[in-house]
Protein backbone atom coordinates (compact mmCIF):
# COMPACT_ATOMS: atom_id res chain seq x y z
CA MET A 1 103.23 111.03 81.95
CA ASN A 2 101.14 113.29 79.74
CA PHE A 3 100.83 116.60 80.93
CA ASP A 4 97.54 117.38 79.30
CA LEU A 5 97.49 121.60 80.03
CA ASP A 6 94.24 121.63 77.79
CA THR A 7 91.79 119.79 80.35
CA ILE A 8 92.38 121.53 83.42
CA ARG A 9 90.18 120.90 86.70
CA LYS A 10 90.80 121.65 90.34
CA ASN A 11 91.05 118.38 92.30
CA LYS A 12 90.82 117.65 96.19
CA ILE A 13 92.86 114.78 97.42
CA GLU A 14 93.18 113.64 101.13
CA LEU A 15 96.57 112.20 102.10
CA LEU A 16 98.20 110.73 105.10
CA ASP A 17 101.08 112.83 106.46
CA CYS A 18 103.64 110.03 105.17
CA GLN A 19 101.76 110.16 101.80
CA CYS A 20 102.27 114.01 101.28
CA GLU A 21 105.87 113.22 102.46
CA ILE A 22 106.30 110.73 99.70
CA VAL A 23 104.83 112.72 96.84
CA LEU A 24 106.70 115.57 98.15
CA LYS A 25 110.10 113.79 98.27
CA SER A 26 109.09 112.03 94.76
CA LEU A 27 108.48 115.95 93.06
CA GLU A 28 111.83 117.07 94.76
CA TYR A 29 113.96 114.19 93.36
CA TYR A 30 112.25 114.60 89.92
CA CYS A 31 113.09 118.50 90.07
CA TYR A 32 116.43 117.89 91.23
CA SER A 33 117.12 114.78 88.67
CA ALA A 34 115.71 117.62 85.84
CA ASN A 35 117.83 120.19 86.81
CA PHE A 36 120.81 118.09 87.26
CA LEU A 37 120.37 117.24 83.94
CA TYR A 38 119.78 120.97 82.99
CA ASP A 39 122.86 121.88 84.16
CA ARG A 40 125.08 119.62 82.68
CA ASN A 41 123.61 120.12 79.55
CA ARG A 42 123.22 124.10 79.83
CA LYS A 43 119.75 123.50 77.61
CA TYR A 44 116.41 121.75 78.21
CA THR A 45 115.95 119.18 75.24
CA SER A 46 112.80 120.99 74.43
CA ARG A 47 110.27 123.70 75.56
CA GLU A 48 107.96 121.02 76.52
CA ASP A 49 110.58 119.64 79.39
CA GLU A 50 111.18 122.87 80.42
CA LEU A 51 107.15 123.78 80.81
CA LYS A 52 107.38 120.01 82.71
CA ILE A 53 109.74 120.78 84.84
CA ALA A 54 107.92 124.54 85.89
CA LEU A 55 105.11 122.57 86.59
CA VAL A 56 106.41 120.15 88.70
CA THR A 57 108.35 122.79 90.23
CA ASP A 58 105.02 124.86 91.15
CA THR A 59 103.20 121.57 91.83
CA PHE A 60 105.88 120.83 94.49
CA HIS A 61 105.66 124.38 96.33
CA GLN A 62 101.95 124.20 96.31
CA ILE A 63 101.59 120.86 97.80
CA SER A 64 104.57 121.60 100.11
CA LYS A 65 102.50 125.22 101.55
CA GLN A 66 99.15 123.31 101.56
CA PHE A 67 100.42 120.64 103.45
CA ALA A 68 102.39 123.19 105.97
CA GLU A 69 98.71 124.58 106.72
CA SER A 70 97.08 121.51 106.98
CA LYS A 71 99.58 120.47 109.89
CA ASN A 72 98.52 123.65 111.72
CA LYS A 73 94.73 123.51 111.32
CA ASN A 74 94.55 119.46 111.56
CA LYS A 75 94.80 117.65 115.34
CA ILE A 76 96.77 114.80 115.09
CA ILE A 77 94.45 111.67 115.18
CA GLN A 78 95.75 109.45 118.30
CA ILE A 79 95.01 105.57 117.13
CA GLU A 80 94.83 103.56 120.44
CA LYS A 81 97.54 100.46 120.42
CA LYS A 82 96.13 97.50 121.63
CA LYS A 83 97.78 95.95 124.70
CA LYS A 84 99.31 92.61 124.46
CA VAL A 85 98.23 89.69 126.44
CA SER A 86 101.21 87.66 127.41
């Protein structure tokens, strides 16, 4: 994964609830794994790794906050279930 901090632009992505949950779980797992390795070694391998983990952690919190706000604002879309013909 390339963390290019010199090229920054704002993006808007629309996802279903389940997709947001997958992204959040993935970020949470990445942060947990990185912090677990840090705790075992008591140091980051490089300043770049430290910045990557901080960026991923901030991204997790940002998406989590926006997801919670979106769930409060947007109504649930009801999908009609087709009746089975016996």
